[in-house]
Amino acid sequence: MSESTLDKFARELQEEILEDVRRNYSETVVDHWMQPRHLGFLPQHNGYGRLTGSCGDTMEFFLDIENERITRIGFDTDGCGTSIASASITAELALGKPLKEAKMITNLTVLEKAGGLPEEDQHCALLAANTLQEAIKNYEERSKG
């Protein structure tokens, strides 16, 4: 069965976009963008953070914390591929960490692990790190009560 003109156009366009992405982003960012880790809502969570960044993207983190350690993590975002990758990288950095260590994850930590981001996308790393910190703060406030 031969490929239709529309299918061929779509395939070629997709390949061109992916080539452009690979020219501008590290393999780490491309990998987390295409295959995000920990994407999705955690129905059982005891820490939650939701923030909207300067670009208008909204991000959420869901944390399951036991003995002051992040044992499960999930995220969701309505943002672009860079937001997805930044959240995925942040989730990987935080999973399994004691809260004391997870609190030290900043946008610079995310940028370093990502292998850098173009200047116009660096706010995505900031949004991811800040949303994680918001979820940790939420957990701590709930734990006091």
N, C-alpha and C. Protein backbone atom coordinates (compact mmCIF):
# COMPACT_ATOMS: atom_id res chain seq x y z
N MET A 1 0.85 -1.18 0.00
CA MET A 1 0.00 0.00 0.00
C MET A 1 0.90 1.24 0.00
N SER A 2 0.66 2.14 -0.89
CA SER A 2 1.51 3.32 -1.01
C SER A 2 1.08 4.41 -0.02
N GLU A 3 2.06 5.22 0.32
CA GLU A 3 1.83 6.32 1.25
C GLU A 3 1.09 7.46 0.53
N SER A 4 0.04 7.97 1.14
CA SER A 4 -0.70 9.07 0.53
C SER A 4 0.15 10.34 0.58
N THR A 5 -0.19 11.30 -0.24
CA THR A 5 0.52 12.57 -0.28
C THR A 5 0.44 13.27 1.07
N LEU A 6 -0.71 13.23 1.69
CA LEU A 6 -0.89 13.87 2.99
C LEU A 6 -0.05 13.16 4.06
N ASP A 7 -0.06 11.83 4.06
CA ASP A 7 0.74 11.08 5.03
C ASP A 7 2.23 11.36 4.84
N LYS A 8 2.68 11.43 3.59
CA LYS A 8 4.08 11.71 3.29
C LYS A 8 4.45 13.11 3.79
N PHE A 9 3.59 14.08 3.53
CA PHE A 9 3.81 15.46 3.98
C PHE A 9 3.91 15.50 5.51
N ALA A 10 2.99 14.82 6.20
CA ALA A 10 2.98 14.82 7.67
C ALA A 10 4.25 14.17 8.21
N ARG A 11 4.66 13.05 7.64
CA ARG A 11 5.87 12.36 8.09
C ARG A 11 7.10 13.24 7.90
N GLU A 12 7.21 13.86 6.72
CA GLU A 12 8.36 14.72 6.43
C GLU A 12 8.39 15.95 7.34
N LEU A 13 7.23 16.51 7.61
CA LEU A 13 7.14 17.67 8.50
C LEU A 13 7.56 17.28 9.92
N GLN A 14 7.08 16.13 10.37
CA GLN A 14 7.44 15.65 11.69
C GLN A 14 8.96 15.42 11.79
N GLU A 15 9.56 14.85 10.77
CA GLU A 15 11.01 14.62 10.76
C GLU A 15 11.76 15.95 10.79
N GLU A 16 11.28 16.93 10.05
CA GLU A 16 11.91 18.25 10.01
C GLU A 16 11.83 18.93 11.37
N ILE A 17 10.69 18.84 12.02
CA ILE A 17 10.52 19.43 13.35
C ILE A 17 11.46 18.77 14.34
N LEU A 18 11.53 17.45 14.31
CA LEU A 18 12.41 16.72 15.23
C LEU A 18 13.88 17.08 14.99
N GLU A 19 14.28 17.23 13.75
CA GLU A 19 15.66 17.67 13.44
C GLU A 19 15.94 19.04 14.04
N ASP A 20 14.97 19.94 13.91
CA ASP A 20 15.13 21.29 14.45
C ASP A 20 15.24 21.25 15.97
N VAL A 21 14.42 20.43 16.60
CA VAL A 21 14.46 20.27 18.05
C VAL A 21 15.84 19.75 18.48
N ARG A 22 16.35 18.75 17.79
CA ARG A 22 17.65 18.16 18.14
C ARG A 22 18.80 19.15 17.95
N ARG A 23 18.65 20.12 17.05
CA ARG A 23 19.68 21.15 16.85
C ARG A 23 19.70 22.14 18.00
N ASN A 24 18.55 22.37 18.63
CA ASN A 24 18.43 23.42 19.64
C ASN A 24 18.42 22.94 21.09
N TYR A 25 18.23 21.63 21.30
CA TYR A 25 18.11 21.10 22.65
C TYR A 25 19.03 19.90 22.82
N SER A 26 19.42 19.67 24.07
CA SER A 26 20.26 18.51 24.39
C SER A 26 19.47 17.22 24.21
N GLU A 27 20.20 16.12 24.11
CA GLU A 27 19.54 14.81 24.02
C GLU A 27 18.70 14.54 25.26
N THR A 28 19.16 15.01 26.41
CA THR A 28 18.40 14.83 27.65
C THR A 28 17.05 15.50 27.55
N VAL A 29 17.01 16.73 27.06
CA VAL A 29 15.75 17.46 26.93
C VAL A 29 14.85 16.77 25.92
N VAL A 30 15.40 16.39 24.79
CA VAL A 30 14.60 15.71 23.75
C VAL A 30 14.02 14.41 24.31
N ASP A 31 14.83 13.65 25.03
CA ASP A 31 14.38 12.38 25.60
C ASP A 31 13.23 12.60 26.59
N HIS A 32 13.38 13.56 27.50
CA HIS A 32 12.32 13.83 28.49
C HIS A 32 11.08 14.45 27.84
N TRP A 33 11.26 15.17 26.76
CA TRP A 33 10.15 15.77 26.02
C TRP A 33 9.33 14.66 25.34
N MET A 34 10.04 13.76 24.67
CA MET A 34 9.37 12.71 23.90
C MET A 34 8.86 11.56 24.78
N GLN A 35 9.56 11.32 25.89
CA GLN A 35 9.19 10.22 26.79
C GLN A 35 9.23 10.71 28.24
N PRO A 36 8.29 11.59 28.60
CA PRO A 36 8.33 12.15 29.95
C PRO A 36 8.15 11.08 31.03
N ARG A 37 8.91 11.25 32.10
CA ARG A 37 8.81 10.37 33.25
C ARG A 37 7.88 11.00 34.28
N HIS A 38 7.04 10.17 34.88
CA HIS A 38 6.18 10.59 35.99
C HIS A 38 5.07 11.56 35.57
N LEU A 39 4.72 11.55 34.30
CA LEU A 39 3.62 12.40 33.82
C LEU A 39 2.31 11.81 34.29
N GLY A 40 1.51 12.62 34.95
CA GLY A 40 0.18 12.19 35.35
C GLY A 40 -0.13 12.47 36.81
N PHE A 41 -1.40 12.47 37.08
CA PHE A 41 -1.98 12.72 38.39
C PHE A 41 -1.73 11.53 39.31
N LEU A 42 -1.37 11.79 40.55
CA LEU A 42 -1.29 10.74 41.57
C LEU A 42 -2.54 10.84 42.43
N PRO A 43 -3.43 9.86 42.35
CA PRO A 43 -4.66 9.95 43.14
C PRO A 43 -4.39 9.97 44.64
N GLN A 44 -3.36 9.27 45.09
CA GLN A 44 -2.97 9.29 46.50
C GLN A 44 -1.72 10.14 46.62
N HIS A 45 -1.87 11.35 47.14
CA HIS A 45 -0.71 12.23 47.32
C HIS A 45 -0.91 13.05 48.59
N ASN A 46 0.19 13.45 49.20
CA ASN A 46 0.08 14.28 50.39
C ASN A 46 0.85 15.60 50.26
N GLY A 47 1.27 15.90 49.05
CA GLY A 47 1.86 17.19 48.73
C GLY A 47 1.43 17.60 47.34
N TYR A 48 1.00 18.84 47.18
CA TYR A 48 0.49 19.30 45.88
C TYR A 48 0.91 20.75 45.66
N GLY A 49 1.38 21.02 44.45
CA GLY A 49 1.71 22.39 44.07
C GLY A 49 1.22 22.68 42.67
N ARG A 50 0.73 23.88 42.47
CA ARG A 50 0.27 24.31 41.15
C ARG A 50 0.67 25.77 40.98
N LEU A 51 1.38 26.04 39.89
CA LEU A 51 1.80 27.41 39.59
C LEU A 51 1.62 27.68 38.10
N THR A 52 1.45 28.94 37.78
CA THR A 52 1.42 29.39 36.39
C THR A 52 2.63 30.28 36.18
N GLY A 53 3.39 29.98 35.15
CA GLY A 53 4.62 30.71 34.88
C GLY A 53 4.38 32.00 34.11
N SER A 54 5.44 32.73 33.89
CA SER A 54 5.38 34.02 33.19
C SER A 54 4.90 33.87 31.76
N CYS A 55 5.07 32.67 31.19
CA CYS A 55 4.67 32.43 29.80
C CYS A 55 3.20 32.00 29.69
N GLY A 56 2.57 31.74 30.85
CA GLY A 56 1.18 31.30 30.85
C GLY A 56 1.01 29.80 31.03
N ASP A 57 2.12 29.05 31.00
CA ASP A 57 2.04 27.60 31.23
C ASP A 57 1.69 27.34 32.70
N THR A 58 0.83 26.36 32.92
CA THR A 58 0.50 25.93 34.28
C THR A 58 1.10 24.56 34.50
N MET A 59 1.65 24.37 35.69
CA MET A 59 2.28 23.09 36.03
C MET A 59 1.78 22.67 37.40
N GLU A 60 1.64 21.36 37.58
CA GLU A 60 1.24 20.78 38.86
C GLU A 60 2.21 19.66 39.22
N PHE A 61 2.52 19.54 40.50
CA PHE A 61 3.27 18.42 41.02
C PHE A 61 2.46 17.77 42.13
N PHE A 62 2.48 16.44 42.13
CA PHE A 62 1.82 15.62 43.14
C PHE A 62 2.90 14.79 43.81
N LEU A 63 2.97 14.86 45.14
CA LEU A 63 4.01 14.15 45.87
C LEU A 63 3.40 13.16 46.86
N ASP A 64 3.98 12.00 46.94
CA ASP A 64 3.69 11.05 47.99
C ASP A 64 4.95 10.99 48.83
N ILE A 65 4.84 11.42 50.07
CA ILE A 65 5.99 11.53 50.95
C ILE A 65 5.79 10.62 52.15
N GLU A 66 6.79 9.79 52.40
CA GLU A 66 6.79 8.91 53.56
C GLU A 66 8.12 9.06 54.28
N ASN A 67 8.06 9.20 55.59
CA ASN A 67 9.28 9.36 56.39
C ASN A 67 10.17 10.48 55.85
N GLU A 68 9.52 11.58 55.45
CA GLU A 68 10.24 12.77 54.97
C GLU A 68 11.06 12.52 53.70
N ARG A 69 10.61 11.54 52.89
CA ARG A 69 11.27 11.20 51.63
C ARG A 69 10.21 11.11 50.53
N ILE A 70 10.53 11.64 49.34
CA ILE A 70 9.59 11.58 48.21
C ILE A 70 9.63 10.17 47.64
N THR A 71 8.54 9.43 47.83
CA THR A 71 8.49 8.04 47.39
C THR A 71 7.80 7.88 46.03
N ARG A 72 6.90 8.80 45.72
CA ARG A 72 6.26 8.80 44.39
C ARG A 72 6.04 10.25 44.00
N ILE A 73 6.05 10.49 42.69
CA ILE A 73 5.89 11.86 42.19
C ILE A 73 5.18 11.81 40.85
N GLY A 74 4.33 12.77 40.62
CA GLY A 74 3.67 12.92 39.33
C GLY A 74 3.57 14.40 38.99
N PHE A 75 3.43 14.67 37.71
CA PHE A 75 3.26 16.06 37.30
C PHE A 75 2.31 16.14 36.12
N ASP A 76 1.80 17.33 35.91
CA ASP A 76 0.99 17.62 34.74
C ASP A 76 1.28 19.06 34.35
N THR A 77 1.18 19.34 33.07
CA THR A 77 1.36 20.70 32.58
C THR A 77 0.60 20.87 31.28
N ASP A 78 0.14 22.08 31.06
CA ASP A 78 -0.49 22.40 29.78
C ASP A 78 0.51 23.12 28.88
N GLY A 79 1.77 23.06 29.25
CA GLY A 79 2.81 23.80 28.57
C GLY A 79 3.43 23.08 27.39
N CYS A 80 4.43 23.73 26.85
CA CYS A 80 5.15 23.26 25.66
C CYS A 80 6.07 22.09 25.99
N GLY A 81 6.76 21.60 24.99
CA GLY A 81 7.68 20.49 25.17
C GLY A 81 8.77 20.78 26.18
N THR A 82 9.23 22.01 26.23
CA THR A 82 10.28 22.37 27.18
C THR A 82 9.75 22.34 28.61
N SER A 83 8.49 22.73 28.80
CA SER A 83 7.88 22.63 30.13
C SER A 83 7.74 21.17 30.54
N ILE A 84 7.32 20.33 29.61
CA ILE A 84 7.19 18.90 29.88
C ILE A 84 8.55 18.33 30.27
N ALA A 85 9.57 18.62 29.47
CA ALA A 85 10.91 18.11 29.76
C ALA A 85 11.43 18.62 31.10
N SER A 86 11.23 19.89 31.38
CA SER A 86 11.70 20.46 32.65
C SER A 86 11.02 19.81 33.84
N ALA A 87 9.71 19.58 33.75
CA ALA A 87 8.99 18.92 34.84
C ALA A 87 9.44 17.47 35.00
N SER A 88 9.65 16.78 33.89
CA SER A 88 10.10 15.39 33.93
C SER A 88 11.48 15.29 34.57
N ILE A 89 12.37 16.18 34.19
CA ILE A 89 13.72 16.21 34.77
C ILE A 89 13.65 16.52 36.26
N THR A 90 12.82 17.48 36.63
CA THR A 90 12.66 17.85 38.03
C THR A 90 12.12 16.67 38.84
N ALA A 91 11.15 15.96 38.28
CA ALA A 91 10.58 14.79 38.96
C ALA A 91 11.66 13.73 39.19
N GLU A 92 12.48 13.50 38.18
CA GLU A 92 13.57 12.52 38.31
C GLU A 92 14.56 12.95 39.38
N LEU A 93 14.87 14.23 39.43
CA LEU A 93 15.80 14.75 40.43
C LEU A 93 15.25 14.58 41.85
N ALA A 94 13.95 14.72 42.02
CA ALA A 94 13.33 14.72 43.35
C ALA A 94 12.97 13.33 43.86
N LEU A 95 12.65 12.42 42.97
CA LEU A 95 12.18 11.10 43.38
C LEU A 95 13.23 10.37 44.23
N GLY A 96 12.78 9.89 45.39
CA GLY A 96 13.66 9.15 46.28
C GLY A 96 14.47 10.02 47.22
N LYS A 97 14.42 11.32 47.02
CA LYS A 97 15.23 12.23 47.84
C LYS A 97 14.52 12.56 49.16
N PRO A 98 15.31 12.72 50.22
CA PRO A 98 14.75 13.28 51.45
C PRO A 98 14.30 14.72 51.16
N LEU A 99 13.31 15.18 51.88
CA LEU A 99 12.81 16.54 51.64
C LEU A 99 13.91 17.59 51.74
N LYS A 100 14.82 17.39 52.68
CA LYS A 100 15.92 18.34 52.87
C LYS A 100 16.70 18.51 51.56
N GLU A 101 16.95 17.41 50.84
CA GLU A 101 17.67 17.48 49.56
C GLU A 101 16.77 18.03 48.45
N ALA A 102 15.53 17.59 48.41
CA ALA A 102 14.60 18.04 47.37
C ALA A 102 14.37 19.55 47.44
N LYS A 103 14.42 20.09 48.65
CA LYS A 103 14.26 21.54 48.81
C LYS A 103 15.39 22.32 48.15
N MET A 104 16.50 21.67 47.88
CA MET A 104 17.65 22.34 47.29
C MET A 104 17.62 22.33 45.76
N ILE A 105 16.60 21.70 45.17
CA ILE A 105 16.49 21.68 43.71
C ILE A 105 15.99 23.04 43.24
N THR A 106 16.79 23.68 42.41
CA THR A 106 16.46 25.00 41.88
C THR A 106 16.41 24.94 40.35
N ASN A 107 16.08 26.06 39.76
CA ASN A 107 16.10 26.13 38.30
C ASN A 107 17.50 25.85 37.75
N LEU A 108 18.52 26.26 38.49
CA LEU A 108 19.90 26.00 38.04
C LEU A 108 20.22 24.51 38.07
N THR A 109 19.68 23.79 39.06
CA THR A 109 19.85 22.35 39.13
C THR A 109 19.21 21.68 37.91
N VAL A 110 18.00 22.14 37.59
CA VAL A 110 17.26 21.58 36.44
C VAL A 110 18.00 21.90 35.14
N LEU A 111 18.44 23.13 34.99
CA LEU A 111 19.17 23.52 33.78
C LEU A 111 20.45 22.71 33.61
N GLU A 112 21.16 22.47 34.70
CA GLU A 112 22.39 21.68 34.63
C GLU A 112 22.09 20.25 34.19
N LYS A 113 21.08 19.63 34.81
CA LYS A 113 20.71 18.26 34.47
C LYS A 113 20.21 18.17 33.02
N ALA A 114 19.56 19.23 32.55
CA ALA A 114 19.02 19.27 31.18
C ALA A 114 20.11 19.46 30.14
N GLY A 115 21.27 19.87 30.57
CA GLY A 115 22.33 20.19 29.61
C GLY A 115 22.12 21.57 29.02
N GLY A 116 21.39 22.41 29.76
CA GLY A 116 21.10 23.77 29.33
C GLY A 116 19.83 23.86 28.51
N LEU A 117 19.33 25.07 28.41
CA LEU A 117 18.17 25.39 27.58
C LEU A 117 18.43 26.73 26.91
N PRO A 118 17.86 26.94 25.73
CA PRO A 118 17.98 28.27 25.13
C PRO A 118 17.42 29.32 26.10
N GLU A 119 17.97 30.51 26.05
CA GLU A 119 17.58 31.57 26.98
C GLU A 119 16.06 31.77 27.03
N GLU A 120 15.41 31.71 25.89
CA GLU A 120 13.97 31.95 25.85
C GLU A 120 13.14 30.83 26.48
N ASP A 121 13.78 29.71 26.81
CA ASP A 121 13.08 28.58 27.43
C ASP A 121 13.49 28.33 28.88
N GLN A 122 14.41 29.10 29.39
CA GLN A 122 14.91 28.86 30.74
C GLN A 122 13.86 29.06 31.82
N HIS A 123 12.84 29.84 31.52
CA HIS A 123 11.76 30.04 32.49
C HIS A 123 11.02 28.74 32.79
N CYS A 124 11.09 27.76 31.87
CA CYS A 124 10.43 26.46 32.10
C CYS A 124 11.09 25.71 33.25
N ALA A 125 12.41 25.79 33.33
CA ALA A 125 13.14 25.17 34.45
C ALA A 125 12.77 25.85 35.76
N LEU A 126 12.63 27.16 35.73
CA LEU A 126 12.23 27.91 36.92
C LEU A 126 10.82 27.50 37.36
N LEU A 127 9.90 27.39 36.42
CA LEU A 127 8.54 26.99 36.74
C LEU A 127 8.53 25.59 37.37
N ALA A 128 9.28 24.66 36.80
CA ALA A 128 9.30 23.29 37.33
C ALA A 128 9.87 23.27 38.75
N ALA A 129 10.99 23.92 38.97
CA ALA A 129 11.61 23.94 40.30
C ALA A 129 10.69 24.62 41.32
N ASN A 130 10.09 25.73 40.94
CA ASN A 130 9.20 26.45 41.85
C ASN A 130 7.94 25.65 42.17
N THR A 131 7.42 24.92 41.20
CA THR A 131 6.22 24.11 41.44
C THR A 131 6.53 22.96 42.37
N LEU A 132 7.69 22.34 42.20
CA LEU A 132 8.12 21.30 43.13
C LEU A 132 8.20 21.88 44.54
N GLN A 133 8.81 23.03 44.69
CA GLN A 133 8.95 23.65 46.01
C GLN A 133 7.59 23.98 46.62
N GLU A 134 6.66 24.37 45.79
CA GLU A 134 5.29 24.66 46.24
C GLU A 134 4.63 23.38 46.78
N ALA A 135 4.85 22.26 46.11
CA ALA A 135 4.29 20.98 46.56
C ALA A 135 4.91 20.54 47.89
N ILE A 136 6.21 20.76 48.04
CA ILE A 136 6.87 20.43 49.30
C ILE A 136 6.32 21.30 50.43
N LYS A 137 6.18 22.58 50.16
CA LYS A 137 5.62 23.52 51.13
C LYS A 137 4.20 23.10 51.54
N ASN A 138 3.40 22.67 50.57
CA ASN A 138 2.05 22.21 50.84
C ASN A 138 2.07 21.00 51.77
N TYR A 139 2.96 20.07 51.51
CA TYR A 139 3.10 18.89 52.37
C TYR A 139 3.44 19.31 53.80
N GLU A 140 4.41 20.20 53.93
CA GLU A 140 4.86 20.63 55.26
C GLU A 140 3.74 21.33 56.02
N GLU A 141 2.96 22.15 55.33
CA GLU A 141 1.84 22.83 55.98
C GLU A 141 0.77 21.83 56.42
N ARG A 142 0.49 20.83 55.58
CA ARG A 142 -0.50 19.81 55.95
C ARG A 142 -0.01 18.95 57.11
N SER A 143 1.27 18.70 57.17
CA SER A 143 1.85 17.83 58.21
C SER A 143 1.81 18.46 59.59
N LYS A 144 1.83 19.77 59.63
CA LYS A 144 1.82 20.48 60.92
C LYS A 144 0.49 20.32 61.64
N GLY A 145 -0.59 20.25 60.84
CA GLY A 145 -1.94 20.26 61.39
C GLY A 145 -2.29 19.07 62.15
